[in-house]
Amino acid sequence: MYKRVKLENGIRIVCEKIPYLRSVSIGIWVGTGSRNETLANNGISHFIEHMLFKGTYNRSAREIADSIDSIGGQLNAFTGKECTCYYTKTLDSHADIALDVLSDMFFNSRFEHRDIDIEKKVILEEIGMYEDSPEELVHDILSETVWKDNSLGFPILGTCDTLSHIDKDKIRAYMQERYLPENTVIAVAGNFEEDRIIDSVREKFGAWKSNGKDSKDIEAAKFKVDSKIKVKDTEQIHICMGFQGIAHGSDELYPLLAVNNVLGGGMSSRMFQKIREEMGLVYSIYSYPSSYRNAGLFTIYAGMNAEHLEKVVDLIIKEIKILLKEGISKDELIKSKEQLKGNYILGLESTSSRMNSIGKSEVLMDTIYTPDEILNKIDAINQERVEQIIKNIFCLNRISFSIVGNIKKEIDISKMIDA
């Protein structure tokens, strides 16, 4: 069972007690990410995430790391397009230490000019490393393409240019605007005493007041049909094909997940079996949905030798046309639903994954579904809903492309689709 408590200042605490485990995961979730940025400060959410590890008025960066390392725990963070999370995983007996370290980082970080300069170099290296990973870069380029002129398309890391303009004043201003009690969730999963952990969170976070005002209104992101090619000296060509997807929180995401399993969601999927296993034309091919507030994207990725590009695209389009004409069989749907259930339940067997599930759901949707509710949503997937979602998503005249690789000739995407 989940327990939800809202403090007077607006902070939400969501807990799931799992008494048969010996670990506890604690996360501070802030409802802000690259989608809440501008062209001028793109990358600042991710930069702040890094800076919170650089030292507080009570602990140096080394002492922050030692505090958790010395008790055999884990301390980390991540930034997404719509939220940022700082989290720990420790033995249940060390929950108080974990919460003390997290709250110290959250409220007392120093943001020294020297540390800011050093961390810029670190993130520039991260950007460079990302640029050298075309199989990852191509997904970001697709996002930039389909959400062009909207912050949803901004890179989470920012750019070399935007990074150079970040300073202490801009960090403080952004945190004043986005790091607000009503925009923050403390998620706890594992073995803990409920009353004690809630009292501890109230002690650490209850006095937090902010003069800022949270605005949950975000600019609508309209899917754009376009293509972008980045010429890069690589051995393989990397391609992403994008369709307009399903927004976060919609029940229609479940039939789309079922279709995804059949089309390209795993090693037994149609595209993997046909294009990789039978024909050997790609090393990697898969598909996946991405969901955001009021927006969604369905992506198909493939990596191949340049000589196979047109053939692979042709085969992918043929698989989509088969899907549109024939749908998926009853046996495929049953198997896909069992896959969804298995992946979901197995994914809940660690405290960190459960903390992620309840924290993200609460900060983005203000609600949490129980495992039984999720399983019921999967059970409710039927042929009619699947056929409708296939029709709605796979519009062959509304495909966007991104390609990264050593492209040596003009590519006419529309001719390759032949819709």
Protein backbone atom coordinates (compact mmCIF):
# COMPACT_ATOMS: atom_id res chain seq x y z
CA MET A 1 0.00 0.00 0.00
CA TYR A 2 1.10 3.52 -0.72
CA LYS A 3 0.88 6.32 1.78
CA ARG A 4 0.68 9.93 0.64
CA VAL A 5 1.19 12.92 2.93
CA LYS A 6 1.18 16.56 1.92
CA LEU A 7 3.02 18.98 4.21
CA GLU A 8 1.68 22.47 4.88
CA ASN A 9 4.25 24.02 2.55
CA GLY A 10 3.09 21.84 -0.37
CA ILE A 11 5.76 19.12 -0.38
CA ARG A 12 4.33 15.68 -1.07
CA ILE A 13 5.66 12.55 0.61
CA VAL A 14 4.85 9.21 -1.02
CA CYS A 15 5.85 5.98 0.70
CA GLU A 16 5.61 2.29 0.00
CA LYS A 17 6.58 0.00 2.85
CA ILE A 18 8.03 -3.39 1.89
CA PRO A 19 8.76 -5.04 5.25
CA TYR A 20 10.38 -8.21 3.93
CA LEU A 21 13.34 -6.27 2.42
CA ARG A 22 16.38 -4.84 4.19
CA SER A 23 16.95 -1.83 1.92
CA VAL A 24 15.31 1.56 1.56
CA SER A 25 15.44 3.93 -1.40
CA ILE A 26 14.79 7.64 -0.94
CA GLY A 27 14.39 10.11 -3.79
CA ILE A 28 13.88 13.86 -3.99
CA TRP A 29 11.90 14.53 -7.16
CA VAL A 30 11.63 18.03 -8.61
CA GLY A 31 9.19 18.65 -11.45
CA THR A 32 11.67 20.40 -13.68
CA GLY A 33 13.90 19.42 -16.59
CA SER A 34 15.01 20.55 -20.01
CA ARG A 35 11.40 21.14 -21.08
CA ASN A 36 11.19 23.96 -18.50
CA GLU A 37 14.24 25.73 -19.91
CA THR A 38 14.73 28.40 -22.56
CA LEU A 39 17.15 28.77 -25.44
CA ALA A 40 19.26 30.98 -23.15
CA ASN A 41 19.58 28.58 -20.21
CA ASN A 42 19.24 25.16 -21.88
CA GLY A 43 21.14 22.57 -19.84
CA ILE A 44 20.78 24.34 -16.50
CA SER A 45 18.59 21.63 -14.92
CA HIS A 46 21.26 19.01 -15.61
CA PHE A 47 24.01 21.42 -14.51
CA ILE A 48 22.30 22.00 -11.14
CA GLU A 49 22.02 18.24 -10.70
CA HIS A 50 25.81 17.99 -11.03
CA MET A 51 26.45 20.96 -8.74
CA LEU A 52 24.52 19.52 -5.81
CA PHE A 53 27.30 16.93 -5.46
CA LYS A 54 30.08 19.54 -5.33
CA GLY A 55 29.89 20.44 -1.66
CA THR A 56 27.65 22.09 0.94
CA TYR A 57 28.26 24.39 3.89
CA ASN A 58 28.43 21.22 6.03
CA ARG A 59 30.19 18.69 3.78
CA SER A 60 32.81 18.80 1.05
CA ALA A 61 32.21 16.88 -2.17
CA ARG A 62 34.44 14.12 -0.81
CA GLU A 63 32.51 13.99 2.46
CA ILE A 64 29.19 13.75 0.59
CA ALA A 65 30.49 10.72 -1.30
CA ASP A 66 32.10 9.18 1.82
CA SER A 67 28.89 9.58 3.84
CA ILE A 68 27.09 7.08 1.63
CA ASP A 69 30.06 4.96 0.49
CA SER A 70 31.05 4.28 4.10
CA ILE A 71 27.68 2.62 4.80
CA GLY A 72 27.70 0.58 1.58
CA GLY A 73 24.96 2.64 -0.02
CA GLN A 74 24.39 4.29 -3.38
CA LEU A 75 24.00 8.00 -4.09
CA ASN A 76 23.15 9.33 -7.53
CA ALA A 77 20.89 11.61 -9.57
CA PHE A 78 19.47 12.04 -13.05
CA THR A 79 17.81 14.74 -15.12
CA GLY A 80 15.09 14.15 -17.67
CA LYS A 81 13.01 16.35 -19.92
CA GLU A 82 10.36 16.93 -17.23
CA CYS A 83 11.86 16.02 -13.86
CA THR A 84 15.07 15.77 -11.84
CA CYS A 85 15.73 13.17 -9.14
CA TYR A 86 18.36 12.88 -6.37
CA TYR A 87 18.32 9.50 -4.69
CA THR A 88 19.96 7.04 -2.33
CA LYS A 89 19.69 3.32 -1.73
CA THR A 90 20.93 2.07 1.64
CA LEU A 91 20.27 -0.52 4.30
CA ASP A 92 17.07 0.24 6.17
CA SER A 93 19.10 1.01 9.30
CA HIS A 94 20.80 3.91 7.50
CA ALA A 95 17.70 5.77 6.25
CA ASP A 96 18.35 8.72 8.58
CA ILE A 97 21.89 9.17 7.22
CA ALA A 98 20.64 9.03 3.63
CA LEU A 99 17.94 11.61 4.27
CA ASP A 100 20.37 13.90 6.07
CA VAL A 101 22.84 13.82 3.16
CA LEU A 102 20.13 14.37 0.54
CA SER A 103 18.57 17.29 2.40
CA ASP A 104 21.99 18.85 3.02
CA MET A 105 22.79 18.70 -0.71
CA PHE A 106 19.35 20.03 -1.58
CA PHE A 107 19.35 23.06 0.71
CA ASN A 108 22.98 23.88 1.49
CA SER A 109 24.97 23.52 -1.72
CA ARG A 110 27.60 26.25 -2.05
CA PHE A 111 27.78 26.70 -5.85
CA GLU A 112 31.36 27.99 -5.65
CA HIS A 113 32.61 29.73 -8.79
CA ARG A 114 35.60 27.40 -8.98
CA ASP A 115 33.34 24.34 -8.81
CA ILE A 116 31.07 25.81 -11.49
CA ASP A 117 34.06 26.25 -13.82
CA ILE A 118 35.29 22.70 -13.16
CA GLU A 119 31.85 21.18 -13.70
CA LYS A 120 31.48 23.01 -17.02
CA LYS A 121 34.56 21.13 -18.22
CA VAL A 122 33.08 17.84 -16.98
CA ILE A 123 29.79 18.40 -18.82
CA LEU A 124 31.60 19.55 -21.97
CA GLU A 125 33.35 16.17 -21.88
CA GLU A 126 29.96 14.51 -21.40
CA ILE A 127 28.59 16.37 -24.44
CA GLY A 128 31.66 15.34 -26.44
CA MET A 129 31.25 11.73 -25.37
CA TYR A 130 27.61 11.86 -26.44
CA GLU A 131 28.58 13.30 -29.83
CA ASP A 132 30.93 10.34 -30.23
CA SER A 133 28.03 7.89 -29.64
CA PRO A 134 25.97 8.14 -32.84
CA GLU A 135 23.65 5.33 -31.74
CA GLU A 136 22.55 7.60 -28.87
CA LEU A 137 22.87 10.95 -30.64
CA VAL A 138 20.40 9.99 -33.36
CA HIS A 139 17.58 9.77 -30.79
CA ASP A 140 18.24 13.30 -29.55
CA ILE A 141 18.32 14.60 -33.11
CA LEU A 142 14.92 13.00 -33.75
CA SER A 143 13.57 14.70 -30.64
CA GLU A 144 14.94 18.06 -31.81
CA THR A 145 13.38 17.45 -35.23
CA VAL A 146 9.85 16.48 -34.20
CA TRP A 147 9.65 19.08 -31.40
CA LYS A 148 11.37 21.85 -33.34
CA ASP A 149 10.92 25.33 -31.80
CA ASN A 150 9.62 23.75 -28.58
CA SER A 151 11.59 23.18 -25.37
CA LEU A 152 10.62 19.48 -25.43
CA GLY A 153 13.18 19.15 -28.21
CA PHE A 154 16.02 20.72 -26.23
CA PRO A 155 18.98 18.46 -25.36
CA ILE A 156 19.07 17.63 -21.65
CA LEU A 157 22.82 18.32 -21.48
CA GLY A 158 22.47 21.73 -23.14
CA THR A 159 25.02 22.92 -25.68
CA CYS A 160 28.59 24.19 -25.47
CA ASP A 161 27.25 27.71 -26.00
CA THR A 162 24.46 27.68 -23.42
CA LEU A 163 26.74 25.98 -20.91
CA SER A 164 29.27 28.82 -21.16
CA HIS A 165 26.67 31.35 -19.95
CA ILE A 166 25.64 29.50 -16.79
CA ASP A 167 26.81 31.17 -13.59
CA LYS A 168 25.87 31.24 -9.90
CA ASP A 169 23.26 33.97 -10.38
CA LYS A 170 21.51 32.04 -13.14
CA ILE A 171 21.56 28.87 -11.03
CA ARG A 172 20.01 30.67 -8.05
CA ALA A 173 17.39 32.35 -10.26
CA TYR A 174 16.37 29.08 -11.90
CA MET A 175 16.13 27.27 -8.56
CA GLN A 176 14.07 30.12 -7.15
CA GLU A 177 11.69 29.66 -10.08
CA ARG A 178 11.51 25.86 -10.31
CA TYR A 179 12.77 24.33 -7.03
CA LEU A 180 9.59 24.92 -5.05
CA PRO A 181 7.89 22.94 -2.26
CA GLU A 182 4.73 22.40 -4.31
CA ASN A 183 6.88 21.15 -7.21
CA THR A 184 8.78 18.62 -5.07
CA VAL A 185 8.05 15.03 -4.04
CA ILE A 186 9.93 12.91 -1.50
CA ALA A 187 9.51 9.25 -2.48
CA VAL A 188 10.46 6.39 -0.13
CA ALA A 189 10.27 2.66 -0.83
CA GLY A 190 11.54 -0.27 1.20
CA ASN A 191 11.69 -1.25 4.85
CA PHE A 192 11.14 1.71 7.17
CA GLU A 193 8.94 2.95 10.00
CA GLU A 194 6.28 5.07 8.30
CA ASP A 195 5.67 7.55 11.12
CA ARG A 196 9.38 7.98 11.74
CA ILE A 197 10.31 8.58 8.11
CA ILE A 198 7.45 11.07 7.65
CA ASP A 199 8.53 12.90 10.82
CA SER A 200 12.12 12.97 9.54
CA VAL A 201 11.06 14.40 6.18
CA ARG A 202 8.88 16.97 7.94
CA GLU A 203 11.84 17.96 10.12
CA LYS A 204 14.18 18.36 7.12
CA PHE A 205 11.75 19.89 4.61
CA GLY A 206 8.77 21.24 6.57
CA ALA A 207 10.23 24.70 7.18
CA TRP A 208 11.07 25.23 3.50
CA LYS A 209 9.33 28.31 2.22
CA SER A 210 9.58 29.84 -1.21
CA ASN A 211 8.60 33.18 -2.68
CA GLY A 212 8.34 31.69 -6.13
CA LYS A 213 5.12 30.49 -7.72
CA ASP A 214 4.96 27.19 -9.51
CA SER A 215 3.37 27.27 -12.92
CA LYS A 216 2.40 23.85 -14.22
CA ASP A 217 1.29 25.32 -17.53
CA ILE A 218 3.63 24.15 -20.25
CA GLU A 219 3.66 25.07 -23.90
CA ALA A 220 1.94 22.46 -26.02
CA ALA A 221 4.40 20.52 -28.18
CA LYS A 222 3.15 19.92 -31.72
CA PHE A 223 4.64 16.97 -33.61
CA LYS A 224 6.40 18.15 -36.76
CA VAL A 225 6.95 16.03 -39.84
CA ASP A 226 10.55 16.66 -40.89
CA SER A 227 13.93 15.01 -41.33
CA LYS A 228 17.46 15.82 -40.28
CA ILE A 229 20.70 14.21 -41.39
CA LYS A 230 23.95 14.65 -39.48
CA VAL A 231 26.93 13.63 -41.58
CA LYS A 232 29.49 11.92 -39.37
CA ASP A 233 32.42 9.65 -40.14
CA THR A 234 31.06 6.42 -38.71
CA GLU A 235 31.22 2.77 -39.73
CA GLN A 236 27.44 2.39 -39.43
CA ILE A 237 24.44 4.46 -40.40
CA HIS A 238 22.06 5.12 -37.51
CA ILE A 239 18.46 5.99 -38.25
CA CYS A 240 15.40 6.86 -36.19
CA MET A 241 11.87 7.00 -37.56
CA GLY A 242 9.38 8.89 -35.43
CA PHE A 243 5.57 8.88 -35.22
CA GLN A 244 3.36 11.02 -33.02
CA GLY A 245 2.80 9.05 -29.82
CA ILE A 246 0.69 9.02 -26.65
CA ALA A 247 0.87 11.52 -23.78
CA HIS A 248 1.89 10.58 -20.24
CA GLY A 249 -1.02 9.36 -18.16
CA SER A 250 -3.24 8.26 -21.04
CA ASP A 251 -4.71 4.76 -20.84
CA GLU A 252 -4.06 4.44 -24.58
CA LEU A 253 -0.38 4.01 -23.74
CA TYR A 254 -1.11 0.40 -22.72
CA PRO A 255 -2.36 -0.88 -26.10
CA LEU A 256 0.56 0.98 -27.70
CA LEU A 257 2.97 -0.87 -25.40
CA ALA A 258 1.35 -4.14 -26.45
CA VAL A 259 1.78 -3.27 -30.13
CA ASN A 260 5.36 -2.19 -29.49
CA ASN A 261 6.23 -5.60 -28.06
CA VAL A 262 5.03 -7.25 -31.26
CA LEU A 263 6.59 -4.79 -33.70
CA GLY A 264 10.02 -4.04 -32.25
CA GLY A 265 10.06 -4.25 -28.46
CA GLY A 266 12.35 -7.26 -28.05
CA MET A 267 14.29 -10.11 -29.64
CA SER A 268 11.11 -12.01 -30.53
CA SER A 269 9.54 -8.97 -32.24
CA ARG A 270 8.68 -8.92 -35.93
CA MET A 271 11.31 -6.41 -37.01
CA PHE A 272 14.13 -8.04 -35.03
CA GLN A 273 13.32 -11.50 -36.33
CA LYS A 274 12.83 -10.42 -39.94
CA ILE A 275 15.45 -7.74 -40.49
CA ARG A 276 18.23 -8.92 -38.18
CA GLU A 277 17.79 -12.66 -37.66
CA GLU A 278 16.47 -13.73 -41.07
CA MET A 279 18.21 -11.19 -43.31
CA GLY A 280 21.20 -10.05 -41.26
CA LEU A 281 20.90 -6.46 -42.45
CA VAL A 282 21.25 -4.72 -39.08
CA TYR A 283 23.14 -5.18 -35.87
CA SER A 284 20.47 -3.47 -33.79
CA ILE A 285 16.80 -2.68 -34.40
CA TYR A 286 14.10 -1.86 -31.90
CA SER A 287 11.15 0.43 -31.16
CA TYR A 288 9.81 2.20 -28.08
CA PRO A 289 7.24 4.81 -27.02
CA SER A 290 8.18 7.99 -25.09
CA SER A 291 5.49 9.81 -23.11
CA TYR A 292 5.46 13.38 -21.83
CA ARG A 293 2.88 15.81 -20.52
CA ASN A 294 0.51 16.49 -23.41
CA ALA A 295 2.87 14.91 -25.94
CA GLY A 296 4.24 11.57 -27.07
CA LEU A 297 6.62 9.98 -29.56
CA PHE A 298 6.97 6.48 -31.00
CA THR A 299 10.48 5.71 -32.26
CA ILE A 300 11.93 2.97 -34.44
CA TYR A 301 15.75 2.72 -34.42
CA ALA A 302 18.09 0.75 -36.66
CA GLY A 303 21.87 0.64 -37.09
CA MET A 304 23.35 -0.78 -40.30
CA ASN A 305 26.03 -0.49 -42.98
CA ALA A 306 25.38 2.41 -45.37
CA GLU A 307 24.75 0.05 -48.31
CA HIS A 308 21.74 -1.43 -46.49
CA LEU A 309 20.00 1.84 -45.54
CA GLU A 310 17.35 1.94 -48.27
CA LYS A 311 16.64 -1.78 -47.97
CA VAL A 312 16.21 -1.58 -44.18
CA VAL A 313 13.90 1.44 -44.41
CA ASP A 314 11.88 -0.39 -47.07
CA LEU A 315 11.55 -3.46 -44.83
CA ILE A 316 10.51 -1.37 -41.82
CA ILE A 317 7.82 0.34 -43.90
CA LYS A 318 6.62 -3.07 -45.14
CA GLU A 319 6.31 -4.28 -41.53
CA ILE A 320 4.29 -1.19 -40.65
CA LYS A 321 2.02 -1.74 -43.66
CA ILE A 322 1.45 -5.35 -42.59
CA LEU A 323 0.63 -4.08 -39.11
CA LEU A 324 -1.85 -1.58 -40.56
CA LYS A 325 -3.48 -4.18 -42.81
CA GLU A 326 -3.54 -7.24 -40.56
CA GLY A 327 -3.03 -5.89 -37.01
CA ILE A 328 -1.76 -8.41 -34.48
CA SER A 329 -3.17 -11.86 -33.84
CA LYS A 330 -4.98 -12.96 -30.68
CA ASP A 331 -2.02 -15.16 -29.75
CA GLU A 332 0.39 -12.25 -30.21
CA LEU A 333 -1.79 -10.03 -28.03
CA ILE A 334 -1.97 -12.63 -25.26
CA LYS A 335 1.80 -13.09 -25.36
CA SER A 336 2.40 -9.32 -25.42
CA LYS A 337 0.15 -8.75 -22.42
CA GLU A 338 2.00 -11.44 -20.46
CA GLN A 339 5.28 -9.77 -21.41
CA LEU A 340 4.00 -6.43 -20.12
CA LYS A 341 2.87 -7.99 -16.85
CA GLY A 342 6.12 -9.88 -16.36
CA ASN A 343 8.31 -6.88 -17.12
CA TYR A 344 6.25 -4.68 -14.81
CA ILE A 345 6.19 -7.07 -11.84
CA LEU A 346 9.86 -8.04 -12.17
CA GLY A 347 10.70 -4.34 -12.37
CA LEU A 348 9.13 -3.81 -8.97
CA GLU A 349 11.39 -6.26 -7.18
CA SER A 350 13.92 -3.63 -6.12
CA THR A 351 13.29 -0.70 -3.80
CA SER A 352 14.97 1.72 -6.22
CA SER A 353 12.63 0.80 -9.08
CA ARG A 354 9.59 1.13 -6.80
CA MET A 355 10.80 4.49 -5.56
CA ASN A 356 11.26 5.58 -9.18
CA SER A 357 7.79 4.41 -10.10
CA ILE A 358 5.91 6.19 -7.31
CA GLY A 359 8.09 9.32 -7.35
CA LYS A 360 7.85 9.95 -11.08
CA SER A 361 4.14 9.21 -11.17
CA GLU A 362 3.41 11.60 -8.30
CA VAL A 363 5.57 14.47 -9.55
CA LEU A 364 4.27 14.28 -13.14
CA MET A 365 0.65 13.19 -12.66
CA ASP A 366 -0.23 13.92 -9.01
CA THR A 367 -1.38 10.33 -8.69
CA ILE A 368 -0.04 6.81 -8.20
CA TYR A 369 -1.52 3.61 -9.55
CA THR A 370 -1.20 0.43 -7.48
CA PRO A 371 0.29 -2.69 -9.09
CA ASP A 372 -3.20 -4.20 -9.26
CA GLU A 373 -4.50 -1.11 -11.08
CA ILE A 374 -1.65 -1.33 -13.60
CA LEU A 375 -2.28 -5.03 -14.17
CA ASN A 376 -5.99 -4.31 -14.67
CA LYS A 377 -5.09 -1.70 -17.30
CA ILE A 378 -2.96 -4.31 -19.09
CA ASP A 379 -5.77 -6.88 -18.86
CA ALA A 380 -8.16 -4.33 -20.40
CA ILE A 381 -6.16 -4.25 -23.66
CA ASN A 382 -8.27 -5.87 -26.38
CA GLN A 383 -8.18 -6.29 -30.16
CA GLU A 384 -10.42 -3.31 -30.79
CA ARG A 385 -8.19 -0.92 -28.80
CA VAL A 386 -5.09 -2.36 -30.46
CA GLU A 387 -6.53 -1.86 -33.95
CA GLN A 388 -7.47 1.72 -33.10
CA ILE A 389 -4.03 2.59 -31.70
CA ILE A 390 -2.32 1.11 -34.78
CA LYS A 391 -4.52 3.25 -37.00
CA ASN A 392 -3.89 6.37 -34.90
CA ILE A 393 -0.11 6.05 -34.54
CA PHE A 394 1.27 4.58 -37.76
CA CYS A 395 0.45 7.28 -40.29
CA LEU A 396 2.87 6.73 -43.17
CA ASN A 397 2.45 10.28 -44.43
CA ARG A 398 3.47 11.64 -41.00
CA ILE A 399 6.89 10.10 -40.35
CA SER A 400 9.89 12.09 -39.18
CA PHE A 401 13.47 10.90 -39.65
CA SER A 402 16.88 11.47 -38.12
CA ILE A 403 20.02 9.92 -39.57
CA VAL A 404 23.60 9.99 -38.28
CA GLY A 405 26.45 8.56 -40.31
CA ASN A 406 28.70 8.79 -43.32
CA ILE A 407 26.03 9.77 -45.83
CA LYS A 408 27.61 10.32 -49.24
CA LYS A 409 24.55 10.95 -51.41
CA GLU A 410 21.27 12.82 -51.34
CA ILE A 411 18.51 10.89 -49.63
CA ASP A 412 14.87 11.38 -50.58
CA ILE A 413 12.98 10.10 -47.56
CA SER A 414 9.55 10.42 -49.21
CA LYS A 415 10.60 8.08 -52.05
CA MET A 416 11.92 5.56 -49.52
CA ILE A 417 8.57 5.56 -47.69
CA ASP A 418 6.49 5.29 -50.88
CA ALA A 419 3.30 5.74 -48.87
